[in-house]
Amino acid sequence: MLSLIPTEIRVDWFIRQLVEFPDDMVLTEIPSGRTTIFKLQLRQSDVGRVIGRNGQTIHAIRALLVSSAARHGQRAMLEIVE
């Protein structure tokens, strides 16, 4: 299985630019076959910033993650953990 470490670093960087408390953010990578699930934990006050208006921001972040993973023949998902 290919590692998605560069993808994780990119996603981590994008999200840290959006949130008010980047030090409280935790991005966990869970590999499962060809799919990697990224679980994102944030302060409650930062969740809205990451989701964005009508979900546009999280949709864009997920699109970047999925396209980057697809270039390596992998699948990726991003979940926000409450």
N, C-alpha and C. Protein backbone atom coordinates (compact mmCIF):
# COMPACT_ATOMS: atom_id res chain seq x y z
N MET A 1 0.83 -1.18 0.00
CA MET A 1 0.00 0.00 0.00
C MET A 1 0.88 1.24 0.00
N LEU A 2 0.51 2.21 -0.80
CA LEU A 2 1.25 3.46 -0.83
C LEU A 2 0.86 4.34 0.34
N SER A 3 1.82 5.05 0.86
CA SER A 3 1.53 5.97 1.96
C SER A 3 1.00 7.28 1.39
N LEU A 4 0.06 7.86 2.07
CA LEU A 4 -0.50 9.14 1.64
C LEU A 4 0.06 10.28 2.48
N ILE A 5 1.25 10.11 3.02
CA ILE A 5 1.84 11.13 3.88
C ILE A 5 1.87 12.50 3.22
N PRO A 6 2.34 12.66 1.96
CA PRO A 6 2.31 14.00 1.36
C PRO A 6 0.90 14.58 1.29
N THR A 7 -0.08 13.75 1.02
CA THR A 7 -1.47 14.21 0.99
C THR A 7 -1.90 14.65 2.37
N GLU A 8 -1.53 13.88 3.38
CA GLU A 8 -1.90 14.23 4.75
C GLU A 8 -1.29 15.57 5.14
N ILE A 9 -0.05 15.80 4.75
CA ILE A 9 0.61 17.07 5.08
C ILE A 9 -0.10 18.22 4.39
N ARG A 10 -0.50 18.04 3.15
CA ARG A 10 -1.21 19.10 2.43
C ARG A 10 -2.55 19.41 3.08
N VAL A 11 -3.31 18.38 3.39
CA VAL A 11 -4.62 18.57 4.02
C VAL A 11 -4.45 19.24 5.37
N ASP A 12 -3.46 18.78 6.13
CA ASP A 12 -3.17 19.36 7.44
C ASP A 12 -2.86 20.85 7.30
N TRP A 13 -2.04 21.21 6.32
CA TRP A 13 -1.66 22.61 6.12
C TRP A 13 -2.87 23.46 5.74
N PHE A 14 -3.70 22.98 4.80
CA PHE A 14 -4.88 23.73 4.38
C PHE A 14 -5.80 24.02 5.56
N ILE A 15 -6.06 23.01 6.34
CA ILE A 15 -7.01 23.16 7.45
C ILE A 15 -6.43 24.07 8.53
N ARG A 16 -5.14 23.95 8.80
CA ARG A 16 -4.51 24.81 9.82
C ARG A 16 -4.61 26.29 9.44
N GLN A 17 -4.65 26.59 8.14
CA GLN A 17 -4.78 27.98 7.70
C GLN A 17 -6.19 28.52 7.95
N LEU A 18 -7.16 27.64 8.06
CA LEU A 18 -8.55 28.05 8.22
C LEU A 18 -8.98 28.24 9.67
N VAL A 19 -8.42 27.44 10.57
CA VAL A 19 -8.93 27.40 11.94
C VAL A 19 -8.29 28.47 12.82
N GLU A 20 -9.00 28.81 13.89
CA GLU A 20 -8.52 29.81 14.84
C GLU A 20 -7.53 29.20 15.83
N PHE A 21 -7.69 27.90 16.13
CA PHE A 21 -6.83 27.22 17.08
C PHE A 21 -6.14 26.02 16.41
N PRO A 22 -5.12 26.27 15.58
CA PRO A 22 -4.48 25.17 14.84
C PRO A 22 -3.76 24.16 15.75
N ASP A 23 -3.32 24.59 16.92
CA ASP A 23 -2.62 23.67 17.82
C ASP A 23 -3.55 22.62 18.42
N ASP A 24 -4.85 22.88 18.41
CA ASP A 24 -5.83 21.94 18.96
C ASP A 24 -6.36 20.97 17.91
N MET A 25 -5.88 21.09 16.68
CA MET A 25 -6.35 20.25 15.59
C MET A 25 -5.57 18.94 15.57
N VAL A 26 -6.28 17.83 15.37
CA VAL A 26 -5.64 16.51 15.26
C VAL A 26 -6.17 15.85 13.99
N LEU A 27 -5.25 15.47 13.10
CA LEU A 27 -5.61 14.76 11.87
C LEU A 27 -4.99 13.37 11.95
N THR A 28 -5.85 12.35 11.98
CA THR A 28 -5.40 10.97 12.13
C THR A 28 -5.61 10.23 10.82
N GLU A 29 -4.61 9.48 10.38
CA GLU A 29 -4.68 8.70 9.15
C GLU A 29 -4.91 7.24 9.51
N ILE A 30 -6.00 6.64 8.97
CA ILE A 30 -6.32 5.25 9.24
C ILE A 30 -6.34 4.50 7.91
N PRO A 31 -5.26 3.76 7.60
CA PRO A 31 -5.23 3.00 6.35
C PRO A 31 -6.09 1.74 6.44
N SER A 32 -6.78 1.44 5.34
CA SER A 32 -7.63 0.26 5.29
C SER A 32 -7.65 -0.25 3.85
N GLY A 33 -6.70 -1.08 3.50
CA GLY A 33 -6.62 -1.57 2.13
C GLY A 33 -6.23 -0.45 1.19
N ARG A 34 -7.01 -0.26 0.13
CA ARG A 34 -6.73 0.82 -0.82
C ARG A 34 -7.32 2.15 -0.38
N THR A 35 -8.06 2.15 0.71
CA THR A 35 -8.71 3.36 1.19
C THR A 35 -8.02 3.85 2.46
N THR A 36 -7.84 5.15 2.54
CA THR A 36 -7.31 5.76 3.75
C THR A 36 -8.36 6.73 4.27
N ILE A 37 -8.69 6.60 5.54
CA ILE A 37 -9.67 7.49 6.16
C ILE A 37 -8.90 8.48 7.02
N PHE A 38 -9.16 9.75 6.81
CA PHE A 38 -8.58 10.80 7.62
C PHE A 38 -9.65 11.29 8.58
N LYS A 39 -9.36 11.22 9.88
CA LYS A 39 -10.30 11.69 10.89
C LYS A 39 -9.76 13.00 11.43
N LEU A 40 -10.60 14.03 11.41
CA LEU A 40 -10.21 15.37 11.82
C LEU A 40 -10.94 15.75 13.10
N GLN A 41 -10.17 16.09 14.12
CA GLN A 41 -10.74 16.55 15.39
C GLN A 41 -10.38 18.02 15.55
N LEU A 42 -11.40 18.83 15.85
CA LEU A 42 -11.23 20.27 15.99
C LEU A 42 -11.98 20.77 17.21
N ARG A 43 -11.66 21.98 17.61
CA ARG A 43 -12.49 22.65 18.61
C ARG A 43 -13.85 22.90 17.97
N GLN A 44 -14.88 22.89 18.77
CA GLN A 44 -16.24 23.10 18.26
C GLN A 44 -16.35 24.44 17.52
N SER A 45 -15.64 25.45 18.01
CA SER A 45 -15.72 26.77 17.38
C SER A 45 -15.06 26.80 16.00
N ASP A 46 -14.19 25.85 15.70
CA ASP A 46 -13.51 25.80 14.40
C ASP A 46 -14.22 24.94 13.37
N VAL A 47 -15.16 24.13 13.81
CA VAL A 47 -15.85 23.22 12.88
C VAL A 47 -16.56 24.00 11.78
N GLY A 48 -17.23 25.07 12.12
CA GLY A 48 -17.93 25.89 11.13
C GLY A 48 -17.00 26.50 10.11
N ARG A 49 -15.81 26.88 10.55
CA ARG A 49 -14.82 27.46 9.63
C ARG A 49 -14.38 26.43 8.60
N VAL A 50 -14.22 25.18 9.02
CA VAL A 50 -13.77 24.13 8.11
C VAL A 50 -14.89 23.69 7.18
N ILE A 51 -16.11 23.63 7.69
CA ILE A 51 -17.24 23.23 6.85
C ILE A 51 -17.55 24.32 5.83
N GLY A 52 -17.55 25.56 6.26
CA GLY A 52 -17.80 26.67 5.35
C GLY A 52 -19.28 26.85 5.04
N ARG A 53 -19.56 27.90 4.30
CA ARG A 53 -20.94 28.22 3.95
C ARG A 53 -21.49 27.16 3.00
N ASN A 54 -22.59 26.54 3.40
CA ASN A 54 -23.23 25.46 2.63
C ASN A 54 -22.28 24.29 2.36
N GLY A 55 -21.26 24.13 3.19
CA GLY A 55 -20.35 23.00 3.05
C GLY A 55 -19.34 23.14 1.92
N GLN A 56 -19.22 24.34 1.37
CA GLN A 56 -18.34 24.52 0.21
C GLN A 56 -16.87 24.29 0.54
N THR A 57 -16.43 24.73 1.72
CA THR A 57 -15.02 24.59 2.08
C THR A 57 -14.64 23.13 2.27
N ILE A 58 -15.42 22.39 3.05
CA ILE A 58 -15.11 20.98 3.28
C ILE A 58 -15.21 20.18 1.98
N HIS A 59 -16.14 20.56 1.12
CA HIS A 59 -16.27 19.89 -0.17
C HIS A 59 -15.00 20.10 -1.01
N ALA A 60 -14.45 21.31 -1.01
CA ALA A 60 -13.23 21.60 -1.76
C ALA A 60 -12.03 20.84 -1.19
N ILE A 61 -11.93 20.79 0.15
CA ILE A 61 -10.82 20.06 0.79
C ILE A 61 -10.92 18.58 0.45
N ARG A 62 -12.12 18.04 0.52
CA ARG A 62 -12.30 16.62 0.18
C ARG A 62 -11.97 16.34 -1.28
N ALA A 63 -12.32 17.26 -2.17
CA ALA A 63 -12.01 17.08 -3.59
C ALA A 63 -10.50 17.05 -3.82
N LEU A 64 -9.76 17.92 -3.14
CA LEU A 64 -8.30 17.90 -3.24
C LEU A 64 -7.73 16.60 -2.72
N LEU A 65 -8.25 16.14 -1.60
CA LEU A 65 -7.78 14.90 -0.99
C LEU A 65 -8.04 13.71 -1.90
N VAL A 66 -9.24 13.62 -2.43
CA VAL A 66 -9.63 12.51 -3.30
C VAL A 66 -8.80 12.51 -4.59
N SER A 67 -8.61 13.67 -5.20
CA SER A 67 -7.85 13.72 -6.45
C SER A 67 -6.37 13.40 -6.22
N SER A 68 -5.83 13.85 -5.11
CA SER A 68 -4.43 13.55 -4.79
C SER A 68 -4.24 12.05 -4.55
N ALA A 69 -5.16 11.44 -3.83
CA ALA A 69 -5.08 10.00 -3.57
C ALA A 69 -5.25 9.21 -4.86
N ALA A 70 -6.16 9.65 -5.73
CA ALA A 70 -6.42 8.94 -6.99
C ALA A 70 -5.19 8.91 -7.89
N ARG A 71 -4.37 9.93 -7.81
CA ARG A 71 -3.14 9.96 -8.61
C ARG A 71 -2.20 8.82 -8.23
N HIS A 72 -2.36 8.30 -7.01
CA HIS A 72 -1.53 7.20 -6.53
C HIS A 72 -2.29 5.87 -6.51
N GLY A 73 -3.46 5.84 -7.17
CA GLY A 73 -4.24 4.62 -7.23
C GLY A 73 -4.91 4.27 -5.90
N GLN A 74 -5.13 5.25 -5.07
CA GLN A 74 -5.71 5.05 -3.75
C GLN A 74 -7.06 5.76 -3.65
N ARG A 75 -7.77 5.49 -2.57
CA ARG A 75 -9.00 6.21 -2.25
C ARG A 75 -8.80 6.87 -0.90
N ALA A 76 -9.44 8.00 -0.69
CA ALA A 76 -9.29 8.70 0.59
C ALA A 76 -10.62 9.34 0.98
N MET A 77 -10.85 9.39 2.28
CA MET A 77 -12.06 10.01 2.83
C MET A 77 -11.64 10.90 3.98
N LEU A 78 -12.37 11.98 4.19
CA LEU A 78 -12.13 12.89 5.30
C LEU A 78 -13.39 12.98 6.14
N GLU A 79 -13.26 12.68 7.42
CA GLU A 79 -14.39 12.75 8.35
C GLU A 79 -14.06 13.73 9.46
N ILE A 80 -15.04 14.53 9.84
CA ILE A 80 -14.88 15.42 10.98
C ILE A 80 -15.48 14.71 12.19
N VAL A 81 -14.66 14.52 13.21
CA VAL A 81 -15.09 13.84 14.43
C VAL A 81 -15.55 14.88 15.43
N GLU A 82 -16.74 14.69 15.96
CA GLU A 82 -17.29 15.64 16.94
C GLU A 82 -16.73 15.36 18.30
